[in-house]
Amino acid sequence: MFTRVWLAAAMVRALRTLAQTAVALIGTTAVIEGVDWRLVASGSVLAAVLSLLTSLGGLPEAEPGDDQVGVGNDRRLFPYV
């Protein structure tokens, strides 16, 4: 389960989740000066950790038996590897 493919797919998913959470938290503020950056950072990191924990249940991007990065349901996941 913890192959290089799984780790790469889980990290990509966690980074996407982190970025989406940061955008959502920043977007709830009317002006940039009103952004609570500690809240944005802690909320985004927590979302990334939860994403990694959720990935333990399985990732469609990293199917069992896949031995190459990018092989699976989403072949465009890692186009440069």
PDB file of N, CA and C in Angstrom:
ATOM      1  N   MET A   1       0.819  -1.192   0.000  1.00  0.00           N
ATOM      2  CA  MET A   1       0.000   0.000   0.000  1.00  0.00           C
ATOM      3  C   MET A   1       0.862   1.255   0.000  1.00  0.00           C
ATOM      4  N   PHE A   2       1.899   1.310   0.792  1.00  0.00           N
ATOM      5  CA  PHE A   2       2.729   2.505   0.882  1.00  0.00           C
ATOM      6  C   PHE A   2       3.865   2.433  -0.126  1.00  0.00           C
ATOM      7  N   THR A   3       3.503   2.515  -1.376  1.00  0.00           N
ATOM      8  CA  THR A   3       4.493   2.505  -2.442  1.00  0.00           C
ATOM      9  C   THR A   3       4.844   3.938  -2.819  1.00  0.00           C
ATOM     10  N   ARG A   4       5.795   4.052  -3.692  1.00  0.00           N
ATOM     11  CA  ARG A   4       6.183   5.370  -4.188  1.00  0.00           C
ATOM     12  C   ARG A   4       5.025   6.034  -4.931  1.00  0.00           C
ATOM     13  N   VAL A   5       4.273   5.243  -5.655  1.00  0.00           N
ATOM     14  CA  VAL A   5       3.114   5.758  -6.385  1.00  0.00           C
ATOM     15  C   VAL A   5       2.067   6.278  -5.409  1.00  0.00           C
ATOM     16  N   TRP A   6       1.787   5.483  -4.357  1.00  0.00           N
ATOM     17  CA  TRP A   6       0.793   5.895  -3.375  1.00  0.00           C
ATOM     18  C   TRP A   6       1.224   7.182  -2.674  1.00  0.00           C
ATOM     19  N   LEU A   7       2.485   7.247  -2.261  1.00  0.00           N
ATOM     20  CA  LEU A   7       2.989   8.419  -1.566  1.00  0.00           C
ATOM     21  C   LEU A   7       2.910   9.657  -2.455  1.00  0.00           C
ATOM     22  N   ALA A   8       3.285   9.527  -3.706  1.00  0.00           N
ATOM     23  CA  ALA A   8       3.238  10.665  -4.622  1.00  0.00           C
ATOM     24  C   ALA A   8       1.800  11.130  -4.828  1.00  0.00           C
ATOM     25  N   ALA A   9       0.877  10.192  -5.023  1.00  0.00           N
ATOM     26  CA  ALA A   9      -0.531  10.550  -5.222  1.00  0.00           C
ATOM     27  C   ALA A   9      -1.123  11.180  -3.963  1.00  0.00           C
ATOM     28  N   ALA A  10      -0.776  10.643  -2.802  1.00  0.00           N
ATOM     29  CA  ALA A  10      -1.285  11.190  -1.544  1.00  0.00           C
ATOM     30  C   ALA A  10      -0.753  12.592  -1.301  1.00  0.00           C
ATOM     31  N   MET A  11       0.505  12.831  -1.622  1.00  0.00           N
ATOM     32  CA  MET A  11       1.090  14.159  -1.418  1.00  0.00           C
ATOM     33  C   MET A  11       0.474  15.184  -2.371  1.00  0.00           C
ATOM     34  N   VAL A  12       0.253  14.795  -3.618  1.00  0.00           N
ATOM     35  CA  VAL A  12      -0.387  15.708  -4.568  1.00  0.00           C
ATOM     36  C   VAL A  12      -1.784  16.057  -4.080  1.00  0.00           C
ATOM     37  N   ARG A  13      -2.534  15.056  -3.629  1.00  0.00           N
ATOM     38  CA  ARG A  13      -3.879  15.298  -3.124  1.00  0.00           C
ATOM     39  C   ARG A  13      -3.841  16.198  -1.891  1.00  0.00           C
ATOM     40  N   ALA A  14      -2.898  15.978  -0.991  1.00  0.00           N
ATOM     41  CA  ALA A  14      -2.793  16.794   0.226  1.00  0.00           C
ATOM     42  C   ALA A  14      -2.422  18.237  -0.115  1.00  0.00           C
ATOM     43  N   LEU A  15      -1.507  18.438  -1.054  1.00  0.00           N
ATOM     44  CA  LEU A  15      -1.115  19.799  -1.443  1.00  0.00           C
ATOM     45  C   LEU A  15      -2.262  20.543  -2.117  1.00  0.00           C
ATOM     46  N   ARG A  16      -3.033  19.824  -2.943  1.00  0.00           N
ATOM     47  CA  ARG A  16      -4.203  20.443  -3.561  1.00  0.00           C
ATOM     48  C   ARG A  16      -5.216  20.845  -2.498  1.00  0.00           C
ATOM     49  N   THR A  17      -5.430  19.973  -1.525  1.00  0.00           N
ATOM     50  CA  THR A  17      -6.361  20.268  -0.440  1.00  0.00           C
ATOM     51  C   THR A  17      -5.880  21.463   0.362  1.00  0.00           C
ATOM     52  N   LEU A  18      -4.577  21.523   0.651  1.00  0.00           N
ATOM     53  CA  LEU A  18      -4.007  22.646   1.387  1.00  0.00           C
ATOM     54  C   LEU A  18      -4.256  23.953   0.640  1.00  0.00           C
ATOM     55  N   ALA A  19      -3.988  23.968  -0.645  1.00  0.00           N
ATOM     56  CA  ALA A  19      -4.166  25.189  -1.436  1.00  0.00           C
ATOM     57  C   ALA A  19      -5.634  25.596  -1.512  1.00  0.00           C
ATOM     58  N   GLN A  20      -6.521  24.637  -1.709  1.00  0.00           N
ATOM     59  CA  GLN A  20      -7.946  24.949  -1.787  1.00  0.00           C
ATOM     60  C   GLN A  20      -8.469  25.501  -0.467  1.00  0.00           C
ATOM     61  N   THR A  21      -7.996  24.946   0.640  1.00  0.00           N
ATOM     62  CA  THR A  21      -8.425  25.433   1.949  1.00  0.00           C
ATOM     63  C   THR A  21      -7.909  26.838   2.196  1.00  0.00           C
ATOM     64  N   ALA A  22      -6.664  27.092   1.822  1.00  0.00           N
ATOM     65  CA  ALA A  22      -6.105  28.439   1.996  1.00  0.00           C
ATOM     66  C   ALA A  22      -6.895  29.456   1.180  1.00  0.00           C
ATOM     67  N   VAL A  23      -7.224  29.132  -0.044  1.00  0.00           N
ATOM     68  CA  VAL A  23      -8.005  30.039  -0.888  1.00  0.00           C
ATOM     69  C   VAL A  23      -9.376  30.290  -0.269  1.00  0.00           C
ATOM     70  N   ALA A  24     -10.005  29.246   0.242  1.00  0.00           N
ATOM     71  CA  ALA A  24     -11.326  29.398   0.852  1.00  0.00           C
ATOM     72  C   ALA A  24     -11.266  30.263   2.112  1.00  0.00           C
ATOM     73  N   LEU A  25     -10.262  30.046   2.945  1.00  0.00           N
ATOM     74  CA  LEU A  25     -10.155  30.826   4.175  1.00  0.00           C
ATOM     75  C   LEU A  25      -9.802  32.284   3.899  1.00  0.00           C
ATOM     76  N   ILE A  26      -8.934  32.526   2.941  1.00  0.00           N
ATOM     77  CA  ILE A  26      -8.591  33.901   2.571  1.00  0.00           C
ATOM     78  C   ILE A  26      -9.801  34.581   1.938  1.00  0.00           C
ATOM     79  N   GLY A  27     -10.541  33.839   1.159  1.00  0.00           N
ATOM     80  CA  GLY A  27     -11.700  34.396   0.458  1.00  0.00           C
ATOM     81  C   GLY A  27     -12.845  34.806   1.361  1.00  0.00           C
ATOM     82  N   THR A  28     -12.856  34.344   2.592  1.00  0.00           N
ATOM     83  CA  THR A  28     -13.933  34.719   3.504  1.00  0.00           C
ATOM     84  C   THR A  28     -13.713  36.078   4.139  1.00  0.00           C
ATOM     85  N   THR A  29     -12.578  36.696   3.876  1.00  0.00           N
ATOM     86  CA  THR A  29     -12.251  38.003   4.444  1.00  0.00           C
ATOM     87  C   THR A  29     -12.537  39.092   3.416  1.00  0.00           C
ATOM     88  N   ALA A  30     -13.099  40.192   3.873  1.00  0.00           N
ATOM     89  CA  ALA A  30     -13.464  41.275   2.956  1.00  0.00           C
ATOM     90  C   ALA A  30     -12.241  42.009   2.414  1.00  0.00           C
ATOM     91  N   VAL A  31     -11.222  42.208   3.250  1.00  0.00           N
ATOM     92  CA  VAL A  31     -10.022  42.919   2.812  1.00  0.00           C
ATOM     93  C   VAL A  31      -8.788  42.127   3.228  1.00  0.00           C
ATOM     94  N   ILE A  32      -7.697  42.285   2.483  1.00  0.00           N
ATOM     95  CA  ILE A  32      -6.479  41.509   2.736  1.00  0.00           C
ATOM     96  C   ILE A  32      -5.895  41.820   4.109  1.00  0.00           C
ATOM     97  N   GLU A  33      -6.089  43.031   4.601  1.00  0.00           N
ATOM     98  CA  GLU A  33      -5.562  43.376   5.919  1.00  0.00           C
ATOM     99  C   GLU A  33      -6.294  42.634   7.032  1.00  0.00           C
ATOM    100  N   GLY A  34      -7.487  42.159   6.729  1.00  0.00           N
ATOM    101  CA  GLY A  34      -8.281  41.469   7.739  1.00  0.00           C
ATOM    102  C   GLY A  34      -8.045  39.975   7.803  1.00  0.00           C
ATOM    103  N   VAL A  35      -7.147  39.456   6.985  1.00  0.00           N
ATOM    104  CA  VAL A  35      -6.883  38.016   6.962  1.00  0.00           C
ATOM    105  C   VAL A  35      -6.117  37.614   8.219  1.00  0.00           C
ATOM    106  N   ASP A  36      -6.613  36.626   8.919  1.00  0.00           N
ATOM    107  CA  ASP A  36      -5.901  36.059  10.069  1.00  0.00           C
ATOM    108  C   ASP A  36      -4.988  34.958   9.516  1.00  0.00           C
ATOM    109  N   TRP A  37      -3.735  35.296   9.264  1.00  0.00           N
ATOM    110  CA  TRP A  37      -2.815  34.390   8.591  1.00  0.00           C
ATOM    111  C   TRP A  37      -2.516  33.140   9.416  1.00  0.00           C
ATOM    112  N   ARG A  38      -2.547  33.257  10.735  1.00  0.00           N
ATOM    113  CA  ARG A  38      -2.348  32.058  11.571  1.00  0.00           C
ATOM    114  C   ARG A  38      -3.498  31.084  11.381  1.00  0.00           C
ATOM    115  N   LEU A  39      -4.713  31.601  11.272  1.00  0.00           N
ATOM    116  CA  LEU A  39      -5.873  30.752  11.021  1.00  0.00           C
ATOM    117  C   LEU A  39      -5.783  30.090   9.652  1.00  0.00           C
ATOM    118  N   VAL A  40      -5.374  30.846   8.646  1.00  0.00           N
ATOM    119  CA  VAL A  40      -5.225  30.300   7.293  1.00  0.00           C
ATOM    120  C   VAL A  40      -4.181  29.184   7.293  1.00  0.00           C
ATOM    121  N   ALA A  41      -3.040  29.427   7.931  1.00  0.00           N
ATOM    122  CA  ALA A  41      -1.967  28.424   7.953  1.00  0.00           C
ATOM    123  C   ALA A  41      -2.395  27.183   8.720  1.00  0.00           C
ATOM    124  N   SER A  42      -2.956  27.363   9.906  1.00  0.00           N
ATOM    125  CA  SER A  42      -3.321  26.193  10.708  1.00  0.00           C
ATOM    126  C   SER A  42      -4.473  25.421  10.073  1.00  0.00           C
ATOM    127  N   GLY A  43      -5.442  26.126   9.538  1.00  0.00           N
ATOM    128  CA  GLY A  43      -6.563  25.448   8.879  1.00  0.00           C
ATOM    129  C   GLY A  43      -6.123  24.678   7.644  1.00  0.00           C
ATOM    130  N   SER A  44      -5.215  25.257   6.872  1.00  0.00           N
ATOM    131  CA  SER A  44      -4.727  24.612   5.646  1.00  0.00           C
ATOM    132  C   SER A  44      -3.876  23.387   5.965  1.00  0.00           C
ATOM    133  N   VAL A  45      -3.010  23.502   6.951  1.00  0.00           N
ATOM    134  CA  VAL A  45      -2.169  22.360   7.342  1.00  0.00           C
ATOM    135  C   VAL A  45      -3.044  21.236   7.899  1.00  0.00           C
ATOM    136  N   LEU A  46      -4.029  21.583   8.705  1.00  0.00           N
ATOM    137  CA  LEU A  46      -4.945  20.574   9.234  1.00  0.00           C
ATOM    138  C   LEU A  46      -5.681  19.867   8.104  1.00  0.00           C
ATOM    139  N   ALA A  47      -6.123  20.607   7.099  1.00  0.00           N
ATOM    140  CA  ALA A  47      -6.806  19.997   5.959  1.00  0.00           C
ATOM    141  C   ALA A  47      -5.873  19.046   5.209  1.00  0.00           C
ATOM    142  N   ALA A  48      -4.597  19.414   5.060  1.00  0.00           N
ATOM    143  CA  ALA A  48      -3.640  18.548   4.378  1.00  0.00           C
ATOM    144  C   ALA A  48      -3.397  17.263   5.170  1.00  0.00           C
ATOM    145  N   VAL A  49      -3.284  17.377   6.484  1.00  0.00           N
ATOM    146  CA  VAL A  49      -3.099  16.188   7.328  1.00  0.00           C
ATOM    147  C   VAL A  49      -4.321  15.277   7.231  1.00  0.00           C
ATOM    148  N   LEU A  50      -5.504  15.862   7.284  1.00  0.00           N
ATOM    149  CA  LEU A  50      -6.727  15.065   7.157  1.00  0.00           C
ATOM    150  C   LEU A  50      -6.808  14.397   5.788  1.00  0.00           C
ATOM    151  N   SER A  51      -6.335  15.077   4.761  1.00  0.00           N
ATOM    152  CA  SER A  51      -6.301  14.481   3.425  1.00  0.00           C
ATOM    153  C   SER A  51      -5.388  13.260   3.391  1.00  0.00           C
ATOM    154  N   LEU A  52      -4.209  13.370   4.020  1.00  0.00           N
ATOM    155  CA  LEU A  52      -3.299  12.227   4.073  1.00  0.00           C
ATOM    156  C   LEU A  52      -3.929  11.066   4.840  1.00  0.00           C
ATOM    157  N   LEU A  53      -4.605  11.364   5.945  1.00  0.00           N
ATOM    158  CA  LEU A  53      -5.258  10.307   6.710  1.00  0.00           C
ATOM    159  C   LEU A  53      -6.392   9.662   5.917  1.00  0.00           C
ATOM    160  N   THR A  54      -7.126  10.468   5.171  1.00  0.00           N
ATOM    161  CA  THR A  54      -8.188   9.934   4.322  1.00  0.00           C
ATOM    162  C   THR A  54      -7.609   9.053   3.224  1.00  0.00           C
ATOM    163  N   SER A  55      -6.425   9.399   2.748  1.00  0.00           N
ATOM    164  CA  SER A  55      -5.788   8.610   1.689  1.00  0.00           C
ATOM    165  C   SER A  55      -5.434   7.202   2.157  1.00  0.00           C
ATOM    166  N   LEU A  56      -5.348   7.000   3.457  1.00  0.00           N
ATOM    167  CA  LEU A  56      -5.077   5.652   3.958  1.00  0.00           C
ATOM    168  C   LEU A  56      -6.185   4.680   3.564  1.00  0.00           C
ATOM    169  N   GLY A  57      -7.374   5.205   3.331  1.00  0.00           N
ATOM    170  CA  GLY A  57      -8.502   4.375   2.916  1.00  0.00           C
ATOM    171  C   GLY A  57      -8.407   3.936   1.463  1.00  0.00           C
ATOM    172  N   GLY A  58      -7.514   4.515   0.718  1.00  0.00           N
ATOM    173  CA  GLY A  58      -7.325   4.143  -0.679  1.00  0.00           C
ATOM    174  C   GLY A  58      -7.334   5.355  -1.586  1.00  0.00           C
ATOM    175  N   LEU A  59      -6.598   5.251  -2.640  1.00  0.00           N
ATOM    176  CA  LEU A  59      -6.502   6.317  -3.631  1.00  0.00           C
ATOM    177  C   LEU A  59      -6.778   5.738  -5.010  1.00  0.00           C
ATOM    178  N   PRO A  60      -7.747   6.260  -5.728  1.00  0.00           N
ATOM    179  CA  PRO A  60      -7.974   5.766  -7.084  1.00  0.00           C
ATOM    180  C   PRO A  60      -6.802   6.073  -8.010  1.00  0.00           C
ATOM    181  N   GLU A  61      -5.998   7.093  -7.666  1.00  0.00           N
ATOM    182  CA  GLU A  61      -4.840   7.444  -8.490  1.00  0.00           C
ATOM    183  C   GLU A  61      -3.705   6.434  -8.354  1.00  0.00           C
ATOM    184  N   ALA A  62      -3.729   5.640  -7.296  1.00  0.00           N
ATOM    185  CA  ALA A  62      -2.654   4.675  -7.029  1.00  0.00           C
ATOM    186  C   ALA A  62      -3.287   3.312  -6.768  1.00  0.00           C
ATOM    187  N   GLU A  63      -3.687   2.659  -7.830  1.00  0.00           N
ATOM    188  CA  GLU A  63      -4.327   1.355  -7.708  1.00  0.00           C
ATOM    189  C   GLU A  63      -3.302   0.295  -7.324  1.00  0.00           C
ATOM    190  N   PRO A  64      -3.719  -0.733  -6.594  1.00  0.00           N
ATOM    191  CA  PRO A  64      -2.799  -1.827  -6.280  1.00  0.00           C
ATOM    192  C   PRO A  64      -2.239  -2.447  -7.558  1.00  0.00           C
ATOM    193  N   GLY A  65      -0.965  -2.709  -7.566  1.00  0.00           N
ATOM    194  CA  GLY A  65      -0.325  -3.300  -8.738  1.00  0.00           C
ATOM    195  C   GLY A  65       0.330  -2.290  -9.653  1.00  0.00           C
ATOM    196  N   ASP A  66       0.010  -1.028  -9.485  1.00  0.00           N
ATOM    197  CA  ASP A  66       0.665   0.006 -10.290  1.00  0.00           C
ATOM    198  C   ASP A  66       2.089   0.179  -9.791  1.00  0.00           C
ATOM    199  N   ASP A  67       3.035   0.061 -10.694  1.00  0.00           N
ATOM    200  CA  ASP A  67       4.430   0.203 -10.283  1.00  0.00           C
ATOM    201  C   ASP A  67       5.079   1.441 -10.879  1.00  0.00           C
ATOM    202  N   GLN A  68       4.301   2.238 -11.589  1.00  0.00           N
ATOM    203  CA  GLN A  68       4.840   3.448 -12.175  1.00  0.00           C
ATOM    204  C   GLN A  68       3.983   4.626 -11.767  1.00  0.00           C
ATOM    205  N   VAL A  69       4.608   5.744 -11.527  1.00  0.00           N
ATOM    206  CA  VAL A  69       3.870   6.954 -11.210  1.00  0.00           C
ATOM    207  C   VAL A  69       3.084   7.362 -12.438  1.00  0.00           C
ATOM    208  N   GLY A  70       1.827   7.686 -12.233  1.00  0.00           N
ATOM    209  CA  GLY A  70       0.988   8.127 -13.337  1.00  0.00           C
ATOM    210  C   GLY A  70       0.170   7.029 -13.962  1.00  0.00           C
ATOM    211  N   VAL A  71       0.321   5.800 -13.523  1.00  0.00           N
ATOM    212  CA  VAL A  71      -0.477   4.703 -14.047  1.00  0.00           C
ATOM    213  C   VAL A  71      -1.635   4.498 -13.092  1.00  0.00           C
ATOM    214  N   GLY A  72      -2.818   4.448 -13.609  1.00  0.00           N
ATOM    215  CA  GLY A  72      -4.006   4.300 -12.776  1.00  0.00           C
ATOM    216  C   GLY A  72      -5.169   4.995 -13.440  1.00  0.00           C
ATOM    217  N   ASN A  73      -6.121   5.429 -12.654  1.00  0.00           N
ATOM    218  CA  ASN A  73      -7.303   6.075 -13.209  1.00  0.00           C
ATOM    219  C   ASN A  73      -6.997   7.434 -13.817  1.00  0.00           C
ATOM    220  N   ASP A  74      -6.027   8.132 -13.289  1.00  0.00           N
ATOM    221  CA  ASP A  74      -5.700   9.464 -13.782  1.00  0.00           C
ATOM    222  C   ASP A  74      -4.277   9.482 -14.305  1.00  0.00           C
ATOM    223  N   ARG A  75      -4.097   9.203 -15.574  1.00  0.00           N
ATOM    224  CA  ARG A  75      -2.761   9.142 -16.158  1.00  0.00           C
ATOM    225  C   ARG A  75      -2.139  10.530 -16.298  1.00  0.00           C
ATOM    226  N   ARG A  76      -2.933  11.575 -16.122  1.00  0.00           N
ATOM    227  CA  ARG A  76      -2.410  12.932 -16.222  1.00  0.00           C
ATOM    228  C   ARG A  76      -1.943  13.458 -14.876  1.00  0.00           C
ATOM    229  N   LEU A  77      -1.999  12.652 -13.818  1.00  0.00           N
ATOM    230  CA  LEU A  77      -1.657  13.096 -12.480  1.00  0.00           C
ATOM    231  C   LEU A  77      -0.200  13.554 -12.377  1.00  0.00           C
ATOM    232  N   PHE A  78       0.693  12.802 -13.002  1.00  0.00           N
ATOM    233  CA  PHE A  78       2.130  13.115 -12.937  1.00  0.00           C
ATOM    234  C   PHE A  78       2.696  13.125 -14.357  1.00  0.00           C
ATOM    235  N   PRO A  79       2.396  14.147 -15.149  1.00  0.00           N
ATOM    236  CA  PRO A  79       2.813  14.110 -16.546  1.00  0.00           C
ATOM    237  C   PRO A  79       4.306  14.243 -16.766  1.00  0.00           C
ATOM    238  N   TYR A  80       5.062  14.723 -15.788  1.00  0.00           N
ATOM    239  CA  TYR A  80       6.496  14.971 -16.003  1.00  0.00           C
ATOM    240  C   TYR A  80       7.390  13.955 -15.339  1.00  0.00           C
ATOM    241  N   VAL A  81       6.809  12.901 -14.773  1.00  0.00           N
ATOM    242  CA  VAL A  81       7.635  11.908 -14.086  1.00  0.00           C
ATOM    243  C   VAL A  81       7.728  10.674 -14.925  1.00  0.00           C
TER     244      VAL A  81
END
